[in-house]
Amino acid sequence: DLTIEDWGWERQHWHTFASGIEWGRF
């Protein structure tokens, strides 16, 4: 039941499941 706001992102172990890049016109 713990969420990022409850425990904070820095206190958890994270595993990557996706990655990419988003862009506009630059």
mmCIF file of all heavy atoms, coordinates in Angstrom:
data_MODEL
# 
_entry.id   MODEL 
# 
loop_
_atom_site.group_PDB 
_atom_site.id 
_atom_site.type_symbol 
_atom_site.label_atom_id 
_atom_site.label_alt_id 
_atom_site.label_comp_id 
_atom_site.label_asym_id 
_atom_site.label_entity_id 
_atom_site.label_seq_id 
_atom_site.pdbx_PDB_ins_code 
_atom_site.Cartn_x 
_atom_site.Cartn_y 
_atom_site.Cartn_z 
_atom_site.occupancy 
_atom_site.B_iso_or_equiv 
_atom_site.pdbx_formal_charge 
_atom_site.auth_seq_id 
_atom_site.auth_comp_id 
_atom_site.auth_asym_id 
_atom_site.auth_atom_id 
_atom_site.pdbx_PDB_model_num 
ATOM 1   N N   . ASP A 1 1  ? 0.810  -1.219 0.000   1.00 0.00 ? 1  ASP A N   1 
ATOM 2   C CA  . ASP A 1 1  ? 0.000  0.000  0.000   1.00 0.00 ? 1  ASP A CA  1 
ATOM 3   C C   . ASP A 1 1  ? 0.840  1.264  0.000   1.00 0.00 ? 1  ASP A C   1 
ATOM 4   O O   . ASP A 1 1  ? 0.302  2.369  -0.004  1.00 0.00 ? 1  ASP A O   1 
ATOM 5   C CB  . ASP A 1 1  ? -0.928 0.006  1.221   1.00 0.00 ? 1  ASP A CB  1 
ATOM 6   C CG  . ASP A 1 1  ? -1.969 -1.102 1.135   1.00 0.00 ? 1  ASP A CG  1 
ATOM 7   O OD1 . ASP A 1 1  ? -2.333 -1.459 -0.003  1.00 0.00 ? 1  ASP A OD1 1 
ATOM 8   O OD2 . ASP A 1 1  ? -2.391 -1.608 2.196   1.00 0.00 ? 1  ASP A OD2 1 
ATOM 9   N N   . LEU A 1 2  ? 2.168  1.122  0.061   1.00 0.00 ? 2  LEU A N   1 
ATOM 10  C CA  . LEU A 1 2  ? 3.032  2.294  0.083   1.00 0.00 ? 2  LEU A CA  1 
ATOM 11  C C   . LEU A 1 2  ? 3.144  2.896  -1.311  1.00 0.00 ? 2  LEU A C   1 
ATOM 12  O O   . LEU A 1 2  ? 3.300  2.188  -2.297  1.00 0.00 ? 2  LEU A O   1 
ATOM 13  C CB  . LEU A 1 2  ? 4.426  1.920  0.589   1.00 0.00 ? 2  LEU A CB  1 
ATOM 14  C CG  . LEU A 1 2  ? 4.530  1.584  2.082   1.00 0.00 ? 2  LEU A CG  1 
ATOM 15  C CD1 . LEU A 1 2  ? 5.938  1.099  2.391   1.00 0.00 ? 2  LEU A CD1 1 
ATOM 16  C CD2 . LEU A 1 2  ? 4.187  2.783  2.932   1.00 0.00 ? 2  LEU A CD2 1 
ATOM 17  N N   . THR A 1 3  ? 3.067  4.208  -1.389  1.00 0.00 ? 3  THR A N   1 
ATOM 18  C CA  . THR A 1 3  ? 3.210  4.909  -2.659  1.00 0.00 ? 3  THR A CA  1 
ATOM 19  C C   . THR A 1 3  ? 4.445  5.792  -2.606  1.00 0.00 ? 3  THR A C   1 
ATOM 20  O O   . THR A 1 3  ? 5.116  5.907  -1.582  1.00 0.00 ? 3  THR A O   1 
ATOM 21  C CB  . THR A 1 3  ? 1.971  5.777  -2.944  1.00 0.00 ? 3  THR A CB  1 
ATOM 22  O OG1 . THR A 1 3  ? 1.884  6.792  -1.945  1.00 0.00 ? 3  THR A OG1 1 
ATOM 23  C CG2 . THR A 1 3  ? 0.700  4.933  -2.929  1.00 0.00 ? 3  THR A CG2 1 
ATOM 24  N N   . ILE A 1 4  ? 4.741  6.445  -3.714  1.00 0.00 ? 4  ILE A N   1 
ATOM 25  C CA  . ILE A 1 4  ? 5.895  7.335  -3.761  1.00 0.00 ? 4  ILE A CA  1 
ATOM 26  C C   . ILE A 1 4  ? 5.736  8.476  -2.769  1.00 0.00 ? 4  ILE A C   1 
ATOM 27  O O   . ILE A 1 4  ? 6.686  8.863  -2.073  1.00 0.00 ? 4  ILE A O   1 
ATOM 28  C CB  . ILE A 1 4  ? 6.071  7.876  -5.190  1.00 0.00 ? 4  ILE A CB  1 
ATOM 29  C CG1 . ILE A 1 4  ? 6.401  6.725  -6.144  1.00 0.00 ? 4  ILE A CG1 1 
ATOM 30  C CG2 . ILE A 1 4  ? 7.151  8.940  -5.243  1.00 0.00 ? 4  ILE A CG2 1 
ATOM 31  C CD1 . ILE A 1 4  ? 6.464  7.134  -7.588  1.00 0.00 ? 4  ILE A CD1 1 
ATOM 32  N N   . GLU A 1 5  ? 4.521  9.009  -2.653  1.00 0.00 ? 5  GLU A N   1 
ATOM 33  C CA  . GLU A 1 5  ? 4.296  10.119 -1.731  1.00 0.00 ? 5  GLU A CA  1 
ATOM 34  C C   . GLU A 1 5  ? 4.390  9.670  -0.280  1.00 0.00 ? 5  GLU A C   1 
ATOM 35  O O   . GLU A 1 5  ? 4.817  10.425 0.592   1.00 0.00 ? 5  GLU A O   1 
ATOM 36  C CB  . GLU A 1 5  ? 2.934  10.754 -2.014  1.00 0.00 ? 5  GLU A CB  1 
ATOM 37  C CG  . GLU A 1 5  ? 2.854  11.445 -3.371  1.00 0.00 ? 5  GLU A CG  1 
ATOM 38  C CD  . GLU A 1 5  ? 1.498  12.074 -3.607  1.00 0.00 ? 5  GLU A CD  1 
ATOM 39  O OE1 . GLU A 1 5  ? 0.594  11.817 -2.782  1.00 0.00 ? 5  GLU A OE1 1 
ATOM 40  O OE2 . GLU A 1 5  ? 1.335  12.805 -4.598  1.00 0.00 ? 5  GLU A OE2 1 
ATOM 41  N N   . ASP A 1 6  ? 3.997  8.414  0.017   1.00 0.00 ? 6  ASP A N   1 
ATOM 42  C CA  . ASP A 1 6  ? 4.054  7.925  1.389   1.00 0.00 ? 6  ASP A CA  1 
ATOM 43  C C   . ASP A 1 6  ? 5.492  7.718  1.862   1.00 0.00 ? 6  ASP A C   1 
ATOM 44  O O   . ASP A 1 6  ? 5.852  8.085  2.980   1.00 0.00 ? 6  ASP A O   1 
ATOM 45  C CB  . ASP A 1 6  ? 3.301  6.589  1.509   1.00 0.00 ? 6  ASP A CB  1 
ATOM 46  C CG  . ASP A 1 6  ? 1.813  6.765  1.258   1.00 0.00 ? 6  ASP A CG  1 
ATOM 47  O OD1 . ASP A 1 6  ? 1.309  7.868  1.514   1.00 0.00 ? 6  ASP A OD1 1 
ATOM 48  O OD2 . ASP A 1 6  ? 1.179  5.799  0.796   1.00 0.00 ? 6  ASP A OD2 1 
ATOM 49  N N   . TRP A 1 7  ? 6.300  7.115  1.005   1.00 0.00 ? 7  TRP A N   1 
ATOM 50  C CA  . TRP A 1 7  ? 7.628  6.699  1.440   1.00 0.00 ? 7  TRP A CA  1 
ATOM 51  C C   . TRP A 1 7  ? 8.744  7.510  0.779   1.00 0.00 ? 7  TRP A C   1 
ATOM 52  O O   . TRP A 1 7  ? 9.856  7.580  1.276   1.00 0.00 ? 7  TRP A O   1 
ATOM 53  C CB  . TRP A 1 7  ? 7.813  5.201  1.139   1.00 0.00 ? 7  TRP A CB  1 
ATOM 54  C CG  . TRP A 1 7  ? 8.881  4.568  1.974   1.00 0.00 ? 7  TRP A CG  1 
ATOM 55  C CD1 . TRP A 1 7  ? 9.488  5.094  3.064   1.00 0.00 ? 7  TRP A CD1 1 
ATOM 56  C CD2 . TRP A 1 7  ? 9.470  3.293  1.773   1.00 0.00 ? 7  TRP A CD2 1 
ATOM 57  N NE1 . TRP A 1 7  ? 10.418 4.228  3.575   1.00 0.00 ? 7  TRP A NE1 1 
ATOM 58  C CE2 . TRP A 1 7  ? 10.427 3.104  2.809   1.00 0.00 ? 7  TRP A CE2 1 
ATOM 59  C CE3 . TRP A 1 7  ? 9.297  2.274  0.842   1.00 0.00 ? 7  TRP A CE3 1 
ATOM 60  C CZ2 . TRP A 1 7  ? 11.194 1.953  2.919   1.00 0.00 ? 7  TRP A CZ2 1 
ATOM 61  C CZ3 . TRP A 1 7  ? 10.049 1.122  0.966   1.00 0.00 ? 7  TRP A CZ3 1 
ATOM 62  C CH2 . TRP A 1 7  ? 10.981 0.964  1.983   1.00 0.00 ? 7  TRP A CH2 1 
ATOM 63  N N   . GLY A 1 8  ? 8.466  8.115  -0.346  1.00 0.00 ? 8  GLY A N   1 
ATOM 64  C CA  . GLY A 1 8  ? 9.491  8.891  -1.038  1.00 0.00 ? 8  GLY A CA  1 
ATOM 65  C C   . GLY A 1 8  ? 10.264 8.024  -2.011  1.00 0.00 ? 8  GLY A C   1 
ATOM 66  O O   . GLY A 1 8  ? 10.558 6.863  -1.736  1.00 0.00 ? 8  GLY A O   1 
ATOM 67  N N   . TRP A 1 9  ? 10.585 8.594  -3.160  1.00 0.00 ? 9  TRP A N   1 
ATOM 68  C CA  . TRP A 1 9  ? 11.278 7.810  -4.193  1.00 0.00 ? 9  TRP A CA  1 
ATOM 69  C C   . TRP A 1 9  ? 12.688 7.424  -3.766  1.00 0.00 ? 9  TRP A C   1 
ATOM 70  O O   . TRP A 1 9  ? 13.201 6.370  -4.137  1.00 0.00 ? 9  TRP A O   1 
ATOM 71  C CB  . TRP A 1 9  ? 11.343 8.605  -5.503  1.00 0.00 ? 9  TRP A CB  1 
ATOM 72  C CG  . TRP A 1 9  ? 12.190 9.836  -5.423  1.00 0.00 ? 9  TRP A CG  1 
ATOM 73  C CD1 . TRP A 1 9  ? 11.779 11.107 -5.152  1.00 0.00 ? 9  TRP A CD1 1 
ATOM 74  C CD2 . TRP A 1 9  ? 13.603 9.911  -5.611  1.00 0.00 ? 9  TRP A CD2 1 
ATOM 75  N NE1 . TRP A 1 9  ? 12.850 11.969 -5.148  1.00 0.00 ? 9  TRP A NE1 1 
ATOM 76  C CE2 . TRP A 1 9  ? 13.982 11.264 -5.430  1.00 0.00 ? 9  TRP A CE2 1 
ATOM 77  C CE3 . TRP A 1 9  ? 14.585 8.973  -5.921  1.00 0.00 ? 9  TRP A CE3 1 
ATOM 78  C CZ2 . TRP A 1 9  ? 15.297 11.690 -5.542  1.00 0.00 ? 9  TRP A CZ2 1 
ATOM 79  C CZ3 . TRP A 1 9  ? 15.898 9.409  -6.021  1.00 0.00 ? 9  TRP A CZ3 1 
ATOM 80  C CH2 . TRP A 1 9  ? 16.237 10.745 -5.839  1.00 0.00 ? 9  TRP A CH2 1 
ATOM 81  N N   . GLU A 1 10 ? 13.351 8.265  -2.948  1.00 0.00 ? 10 GLU A N   1 
ATOM 82  C CA  . GLU A 1 10 ? 14.739 8.023  -2.608  1.00 0.00 ? 10 GLU A CA  1 
ATOM 83  C C   . GLU A 1 10 ? 14.903 6.887  -1.599  1.00 0.00 ? 10 GLU A C   1 
ATOM 84  O O   . GLU A 1 10 ? 16.012 6.404  -1.373  1.00 0.00 ? 10 GLU A O   1 
ATOM 85  C CB  . GLU A 1 10 ? 15.399 9.300  -2.079  1.00 0.00 ? 10 GLU A CB  1 
ATOM 86  C CG  . GLU A 1 10 ? 14.938 9.756  -0.702  1.00 0.00 ? 10 GLU A CG  1 
ATOM 87  C CD  . GLU A 1 10 ? 13.621 10.524 -0.733  1.00 0.00 ? 10 GLU A CD  1 
ATOM 88  O OE1 . GLU A 1 10 ? 13.058 10.673 -1.833  1.00 0.00 ? 10 GLU A OE1 1 
ATOM 89  O OE2 . GLU A 1 10 ? 13.177 10.975 0.334   1.00 0.00 ? 10 GLU A OE2 1 
ATOM 90  N N   . ARG A 1 11 ? 13.815 6.428  -0.975  1.00 0.00 ? 11 ARG A N   1 
ATOM 91  C CA  . ARG A 1 11 ? 13.899 5.381  0.040   1.00 0.00 ? 11 ARG A CA  1 
ATOM 92  C C   . ARG A 1 11 ? 13.532 4.012  -0.512  1.00 0.00 ? 11 ARG A C   1 
ATOM 93  O O   . ARG A 1 11 ? 13.373 3.073  0.262   1.00 0.00 ? 11 ARG A O   1 
ATOM 94  C CB  . ARG A 1 11 ? 12.965 5.714  1.206   1.00 0.00 ? 11 ARG A CB  1 
ATOM 95  C CG  . ARG A 1 11 ? 13.384 6.943  2.005   1.00 0.00 ? 11 ARG A CG  1 
ATOM 96  C CD  . ARG A 1 11 ? 12.563 7.012  3.281   1.00 0.00 ? 11 ARG A CD  1 
ATOM 97  N NE  . ARG A 1 11 ? 12.998 8.131  4.109   1.00 0.00 ? 11 ARG A NE  1 
ATOM 98  C CZ  . ARG A 1 11 ? 12.225 9.159  4.437   1.00 0.00 ? 11 ARG A CZ  1 
ATOM 99  N NH1 . ARG A 1 11 ? 10.993 9.211  3.986   1.00 0.00 ? 11 ARG A NH1 1 
ATOM 100 N NH2 . ARG A 1 11 ? 12.685 10.132 5.198   1.00 0.00 ? 11 ARG A NH2 1 
ATOM 101 N N   . GLN A 1 12 ? 13.393 3.882  -1.794  1.00 0.00 ? 12 GLN A N   1 
ATOM 102 C CA  . GLN A 1 12 ? 12.941 2.618  -2.363  1.00 0.00 ? 12 GLN A CA  1 
ATOM 103 C C   . GLN A 1 12 ? 13.938 2.106  -3.400  1.00 0.00 ? 12 GLN A C   1 
ATOM 104 O O   . GLN A 1 12 ? 14.722 2.872  -3.949  1.00 0.00 ? 12 GLN A O   1 
ATOM 105 C CB  . GLN A 1 12 ? 11.561 2.801  -3.013  1.00 0.00 ? 12 GLN A CB  1 
ATOM 106 C CG  . GLN A 1 12 ? 10.526 3.383  -2.063  1.00 0.00 ? 12 GLN A CG  1 
ATOM 107 C CD  . GLN A 1 12 ? 9.151  3.463  -2.690  1.00 0.00 ? 12 GLN A CD  1 
ATOM 108 O OE1 . GLN A 1 12 ? 8.675  2.516  -3.287  1.00 0.00 ? 12 GLN A OE1 1 
ATOM 109 N NE2 . GLN A 1 12 ? 8.505  4.611  -2.548  1.00 0.00 ? 12 GLN A NE2 1 
ATOM 110 N N   . HIS A 1 13 ? 13.879 0.799  -3.621  1.00 0.00 ? 13 HIS A N   1 
ATOM 111 C CA  . HIS A 1 13 ? 14.674 0.178  -4.676  1.00 0.00 ? 13 HIS A CA  1 
ATOM 112 C C   . HIS A 1 13 ? 13.837 0.146  -5.953  1.00 0.00 ? 13 HIS A C   1 
ATOM 113 O O   . HIS A 1 13 ? 12.724 -0.396 -5.962  1.00 0.00 ? 13 HIS A O   1 
ATOM 114 C CB  . HIS A 1 13 ? 15.062 -1.248 -4.291  1.00 0.00 ? 13 HIS A CB  1 
ATOM 115 C CG  . HIS A 1 13 ? 16.350 -1.296 -3.530  1.00 0.00 ? 13 HIS A CG  1 
ATOM 116 N ND1 . HIS A 1 13 ? 16.771 -2.404 -2.848  1.00 0.00 ? 13 HIS A ND1 1 
ATOM 117 C CD2 . HIS A 1 13 ? 17.321 -0.369 -3.351  1.00 0.00 ? 13 HIS A CD2 1 
ATOM 118 C CE1 . HIS A 1 13 ? 17.937 -2.175 -2.278  1.00 0.00 ? 13 HIS A CE1 1 
ATOM 119 N NE2 . HIS A 1 13 ? 18.282 -0.938 -2.565  1.00 0.00 ? 13 HIS A NE2 1 
ATOM 120 N N   . TRP A 1 14 ? 14.406 0.703  -7.022  1.00 0.00 ? 14 TRP A N   1 
ATOM 121 C CA  . TRP A 1 14 ? 13.649 0.818  -8.261  1.00 0.00 ? 14 TRP A CA  1 
ATOM 122 C C   . TRP A 1 14 ? 14.260 -0.058 -9.349  1.00 0.00 ? 14 TRP A C   1 
ATOM 123 O O   . TRP A 1 14 ? 15.473 -0.245 -9.395  1.00 0.00 ? 14 TRP A O   1 
ATOM 124 C CB  . TRP A 1 14 ? 13.619 2.278  -8.726  1.00 0.00 ? 14 TRP A CB  1 
ATOM 125 C CG  . TRP A 1 14 ? 12.930 3.190  -7.769  1.00 0.00 ? 14 TRP A CG  1 
ATOM 126 C CD1 . TRP A 1 14 ? 13.505 3.959  -6.809  1.00 0.00 ? 14 TRP A CD1 1 
ATOM 127 C CD2 . TRP A 1 14 ? 11.518 3.403  -7.664  1.00 0.00 ? 14 TRP A CD2 1 
ATOM 128 N NE1 . TRP A 1 14 ? 12.551 4.659  -6.117  1.00 0.00 ? 14 TRP A NE1 1 
ATOM 129 C CE2 . TRP A 1 14 ? 11.327 4.337  -6.618  1.00 0.00 ? 14 TRP A CE2 1 
ATOM 130 C CE3 . TRP A 1 14 ? 10.411 2.907  -8.346  1.00 0.00 ? 14 TRP A CE3 1 
ATOM 131 C CZ2 . TRP A 1 14 ? 10.056 4.780  -6.233  1.00 0.00 ? 14 TRP A CZ2 1 
ATOM 132 C CZ3 . TRP A 1 14 ? 9.159  3.354  -7.976  1.00 0.00 ? 14 TRP A CZ3 1 
ATOM 133 C CH2 . TRP A 1 14 ? 8.988  4.279  -6.933  1.00 0.00 ? 14 TRP A CH2 1 
ATOM 134 N N   . HIS A 1 15 ? 13.399 -0.578 -10.211 1.00 0.00 ? 15 HIS A N   1 
ATOM 135 C CA  . HIS A 1 15 ? 13.814 -1.415 -11.335 1.00 0.00 ? 15 HIS A CA  1 
ATOM 136 C C   . HIS A 1 15 ? 13.236 -0.821 -12.624 1.00 0.00 ? 15 HIS A C   1 
ATOM 137 O O   . HIS A 1 15 ? 12.042 -0.533 -12.697 1.00 0.00 ? 15 HIS A O   1 
ATOM 138 C CB  . HIS A 1 15 ? 13.326 -2.856 -11.158 1.00 0.00 ? 15 HIS A CB  1 
ATOM 139 C CG  . HIS A 1 15 ? 13.703 -3.453 -9.837  1.00 0.00 ? 15 HIS A CG  1 
ATOM 140 N ND1 . HIS A 1 15 ? 14.969 -3.913 -9.569  1.00 0.00 ? 15 HIS A ND1 1 
ATOM 141 C CD2 . HIS A 1 15 ? 12.976 -3.656 -8.706  1.00 0.00 ? 15 HIS A CD2 1 
ATOM 142 C CE1 . HIS A 1 15 ? 15.018 -4.383 -8.336  1.00 0.00 ? 15 HIS A CE1 1 
ATOM 143 N NE2 . HIS A 1 15 ? 13.817 -4.234 -7.791  1.00 0.00 ? 15 HIS A NE2 1 
ATOM 144 N N   . THR A 1 16 ? 14.076 -0.640 -13.597 1.00 0.00 ? 16 THR A N   1 
ATOM 145 C CA  . THR A 1 16 ? 13.639 -0.046 -14.866 1.00 0.00 ? 16 THR A CA  1 
ATOM 146 C C   . THR A 1 16 ? 12.853 -1.058 -15.688 1.00 0.00 ? 16 THR A C   1 
ATOM 147 O O   . THR A 1 16 ? 13.266 -2.202 -15.827 1.00 0.00 ? 16 THR A O   1 
ATOM 148 C CB  . THR A 1 16 ? 14.858 0.446  -15.661 1.00 0.00 ? 16 THR A CB  1 
ATOM 149 O OG1 . THR A 1 16 ? 15.568 1.408  -14.883 1.00 0.00 ? 16 THR A OG1 1 
ATOM 150 C CG2 . THR A 1 16 ? 14.432 1.073  -16.977 1.00 0.00 ? 16 THR A CG2 1 
ATOM 151 N N   . PHE A 1 17 ? 11.735 -0.620 -16.233 1.00 0.00 ? 17 PHE A N   1 
ATOM 152 C CA  . PHE A 1 17 ? 10.949 -1.486 -17.114 1.00 0.00 ? 17 PHE A CA  1 
ATOM 153 C C   . PHE A 1 17 ? 10.724 -0.861 -18.494 1.00 0.00 ? 17 PHE A C   1 
ATOM 154 O O   . PHE A 1 17 ? 10.242 -1.539 -19.405 1.00 0.00 ? 17 PHE A O   1 
ATOM 155 C CB  . PHE A 1 17 ? 9.599  -1.845 -16.485 1.00 0.00 ? 17 PHE A CB  1 
ATOM 156 C CG  . PHE A 1 17 ? 8.648  -0.686 -16.317 1.00 0.00 ? 17 PHE A CG  1 
ATOM 157 C CD1 . PHE A 1 17 ? 7.752  -0.357 -17.322 1.00 0.00 ? 17 PHE A CD1 1 
ATOM 158 C CD2 . PHE A 1 17 ? 8.653  0.053  -15.151 1.00 0.00 ? 17 PHE A CD2 1 
ATOM 159 C CE1 . PHE A 1 17 ? 6.878  0.703  -17.168 1.00 0.00 ? 17 PHE A CE1 1 
ATOM 160 C CE2 . PHE A 1 17 ? 7.778  1.121  -14.985 1.00 0.00 ? 17 PHE A CE2 1 
ATOM 161 C CZ  . PHE A 1 17 ? 6.883  1.448  -15.988 1.00 0.00 ? 17 PHE A CZ  1 
ATOM 162 N N   . ALA A 1 18 ? 11.079 0.397  -18.684 1.00 0.00 ? 18 ALA A N   1 
ATOM 163 C CA  . ALA A 1 18 ? 10.930 1.030  -19.994 1.00 0.00 ? 18 ALA A CA  1 
ATOM 164 C C   . ALA A 1 18 ? 11.767 2.298  -20.018 1.00 0.00 ? 18 ALA A C   1 
ATOM 165 O O   . ALA A 1 18 ? 12.068 2.888  -18.969 1.00 0.00 ? 18 ALA A O   1 
ATOM 166 C CB  . ALA A 1 18 ? 9.457  1.361  -20.289 1.00 0.00 ? 18 ALA A CB  1 
ATOM 167 N N   . SER A 1 19 ? 12.159 2.712  -21.210 1.00 0.00 ? 19 SER A N   1 
ATOM 168 C CA  . SER A 1 19 ? 12.949 3.928  -21.367 1.00 0.00 ? 19 SER A CA  1 
ATOM 169 C C   . SER A 1 19 ? 12.757 4.470  -22.772 1.00 0.00 ? 19 SER A C   1 
ATOM 170 O O   . SER A 1 19 ? 12.456 3.724  -23.712 1.00 0.00 ? 19 SER A O   1 
ATOM 171 C CB  . SER A 1 19 ? 14.427 3.637  -21.097 1.00 0.00 ? 19 SER A CB  1 
ATOM 172 O OG  . SER A 1 19 ? 15.209 4.793  -21.277 1.00 0.00 ? 19 SER A OG  1 
ATOM 173 N N   . GLY A 1 20 ? 12.943 5.788  -22.908 1.00 0.00 ? 20 GLY A N   1 
ATOM 174 C CA  . GLY A 1 20 ? 12.776 6.390  -24.224 1.00 0.00 ? 20 GLY A CA  1 
ATOM 175 C C   . GLY A 1 20 ? 13.171 7.854  -24.212 1.00 0.00 ? 20 GLY A C   1 
ATOM 176 O O   . GLY A 1 20 ? 13.817 8.346  -23.294 1.00 0.00 ? 20 GLY A O   1 
ATOM 177 N N   . ILE A 1 21 ? 12.765 8.551  -25.237 1.00 0.00 ? 21 ILE A N   1 
ATOM 178 C CA  . ILE A 1 21 ? 13.027 9.981  -25.372 1.00 0.00 ? 21 ILE A CA  1 
ATOM 179 C C   . ILE A 1 21 ? 11.792 10.641 -25.967 1.00 0.00 ? 21 ILE A C   1 
ATOM 180 O O   . ILE A 1 21 ? 11.155 10.108 -26.878 1.00 0.00 ? 21 ILE A O   1 
ATOM 181 C CB  . ILE A 1 21 ? 14.272 10.251 -26.244 1.00 0.00 ? 21 ILE A CB  1 
ATOM 182 C CG1 . ILE A 1 21 ? 14.573 11.746 -26.311 1.00 0.00 ? 21 ILE A CG1 1 
ATOM 183 C CG2 . ILE A 1 21 ? 14.130 9.643  -27.637 1.00 0.00 ? 21 ILE A CG2 1 
ATOM 184 C CD1 . ILE A 1 21 ? 15.910 12.079 -26.971 1.00 0.00 ? 21 ILE A CD1 1 
ATOM 185 N N   . GLU A 1 22 ? 11.438 11.788 -25.409 1.00 0.00 ? 22 GLU A N   1 
ATOM 186 C CA  . GLU A 1 22 ? 10.338 12.601 -25.915 1.00 0.00 ? 22 GLU A CA  1 
ATOM 187 C C   . GLU A 1 22 ? 10.909 13.947 -26.338 1.00 0.00 ? 22 GLU A C   1 
ATOM 188 O O   . GLU A 1 22 ? 11.812 14.481 -25.684 1.00 0.00 ? 22 GLU A O   1 
ATOM 189 C CB  . GLU A 1 22 ? 9.270  12.791 -24.835 1.00 0.00 ? 22 GLU A CB  1 
ATOM 190 C CG  . GLU A 1 22 ? 8.670  11.501 -24.290 1.00 0.00 ? 22 GLU A CG  1 
ATOM 191 C CD  . GLU A 1 22 ? 7.869  10.748 -25.332 1.00 0.00 ? 22 GLU A CD  1 
ATOM 192 O OE1 . GLU A 1 22 ? 7.029  11.389 -25.997 1.00 0.00 ? 22 GLU A OE1 1 
ATOM 193 O OE2 . GLU A 1 22 ? 8.079  9.519  -25.465 1.00 0.00 ? 22 GLU A OE2 1 
ATOM 194 N N   . TRP A 1 23 ? 10.389 14.486 -27.416 1.00 0.00 ? 23 TRP A N   1 
ATOM 195 C CA  . TRP A 1 23 ? 10.898 15.772 -27.889 1.00 0.00 ? 23 TRP A CA  1 
ATOM 196 C C   . TRP A 1 23 ? 9.812  16.566 -28.603 1.00 0.00 ? 23 TRP A C   1 
ATOM 197 O O   . TRP A 1 23 ? 8.805  16.015 -29.064 1.00 0.00 ? 23 TRP A O   1 
ATOM 198 C CB  . TRP A 1 23 ? 12.096 15.567 -28.823 1.00 0.00 ? 23 TRP A CB  1 
ATOM 199 C CG  . TRP A 1 23 ? 11.771 14.907 -30.145 1.00 0.00 ? 23 TRP A CG  1 
ATOM 200 C CD1 . TRP A 1 23 ? 11.421 15.517 -31.310 1.00 0.00 ? 23 TRP A CD1 1 
ATOM 201 C CD2 . TRP A 1 23 ? 11.771 13.508 -30.427 1.00 0.00 ? 23 TRP A CD2 1 
ATOM 202 N NE1 . TRP A 1 23 ? 11.219 14.601 -32.309 1.00 0.00 ? 23 TRP A NE1 1 
ATOM 203 C CE2 . TRP A 1 23 ? 11.437 13.350 -31.793 1.00 0.00 ? 23 TRP A CE2 1 
ATOM 204 C CE3 . TRP A 1 23 ? 12.031 12.370 -29.675 1.00 0.00 ? 23 TRP A CE3 1 
ATOM 205 C CZ2 . TRP A 1 23 ? 11.335 12.096 -32.400 1.00 0.00 ? 23 TRP A CZ2 1 
ATOM 206 C CZ3 . TRP A 1 23 ? 11.942 11.118 -30.276 1.00 0.00 ? 23 TRP A CZ3 1 
ATOM 207 C CH2 . TRP A 1 23 ? 11.590 11.005 -31.631 1.00 0.00 ? 23 TRP A CH2 1 
ATOM 208 N N   . GLY A 1 24 ? 10.051 17.871 -28.655 1.00 0.00 ? 24 GLY A N   1 
ATOM 209 C CA  . GLY A 1 24 ? 9.197  18.757 -29.436 1.00 0.00 ? 24 GLY A CA  1 
ATOM 210 C C   . GLY A 1 24 ? 9.917  19.137 -30.719 1.00 0.00 ? 24 GLY A C   1 
ATOM 211 O O   . GLY A 1 24 ? 10.527 18.294 -31.372 1.00 0.00 ? 24 GLY A O   1 
ATOM 212 N N   . ARG A 1 25 ? 9.854  20.391 -31.047 1.00 0.00 ? 25 ARG A N   1 
ATOM 213 C CA  . ARG A 1 25 ? 10.591 20.893 -32.208 1.00 0.00 ? 25 ARG A CA  1 
ATOM 214 C C   . ARG A 1 25 ? 11.714 21.780 -31.666 1.00 0.00 ? 25 ARG A C   1 
ATOM 215 O O   . ARG A 1 25 ? 11.471 22.892 -31.179 1.00 0.00 ? 25 ARG A O   1 
ATOM 216 C CB  . ARG A 1 25 ? 9.673  21.677 -33.144 1.00 0.00 ? 25 ARG A CB  1 
ATOM 217 C CG  . ARG A 1 25 ? 10.306 22.050 -34.478 1.00 0.00 ? 25 ARG A CG  1 
ATOM 218 C CD  . ARG A 1 25 ? 9.300  22.752 -35.379 1.00 0.00 ? 25 ARG A CD  1 
ATOM 219 N NE  . ARG A 1 25 ? 9.886  23.129 -36.653 1.00 0.00 ? 25 ARG A NE  1 
ATOM 220 C CZ  . ARG A 1 25 ? 9.934  22.347 -37.734 1.00 0.00 ? 25 ARG A CZ  1 
ATOM 221 N NH1 . ARG A 1 25 ? 9.412  21.135 -37.680 1.00 0.00 ? 25 ARG A NH1 1 
ATOM 222 N NH2 . ARG A 1 25 ? 10.495 22.771 -38.851 1.00 0.00 ? 25 ARG A NH2 1 
ATOM 223 N N   . PHE A 1 26 ? 12.930 21.272 -31.729 1.00 0.00 ? 26 PHE A N   1 
ATOM 224 C CA  . PHE A 1 26 ? 14.043 21.986 -31.120 1.00 0.00 ? 26 PHE A CA  1 
ATOM 225 C C   . PHE A 1 26 ? 15.285 21.821 -31.989 1.00 0.00 ? 26 PHE A C   1 
ATOM 226 O O   . PHE A 1 26 ? 15.325 20.995 -32.911 1.00 0.00 ? 26 PHE A O   1 
ATOM 227 C CB  . PHE A 1 26 ? 14.313 21.464 -29.705 1.00 0.00 ? 26 PHE A CB  1 
ATOM 228 C CG  . PHE A 1 26 ? 14.938 20.087 -29.651 1.00 0.00 ? 26 PHE A CG  1 
ATOM 229 C CD1 . PHE A 1 26 ? 16.254 19.925 -29.256 1.00 0.00 ? 26 PHE A CD1 1 
ATOM 230 C CD2 . PHE A 1 26 ? 14.207 18.952 -30.004 1.00 0.00 ? 26 PHE A CD2 1 
ATOM 231 C CE1 . PHE A 1 26 ? 16.840 18.670 -29.204 1.00 0.00 ? 26 PHE A CE1 1 
ATOM 232 C CE2 . PHE A 1 26 ? 14.783 17.688 -29.949 1.00 0.00 ? 26 PHE A CE2 1 
ATOM 233 C CZ  . PHE A 1 26 ? 16.107 17.546 -29.551 1.00 0.00 ? 26 PHE A CZ  1 
# 
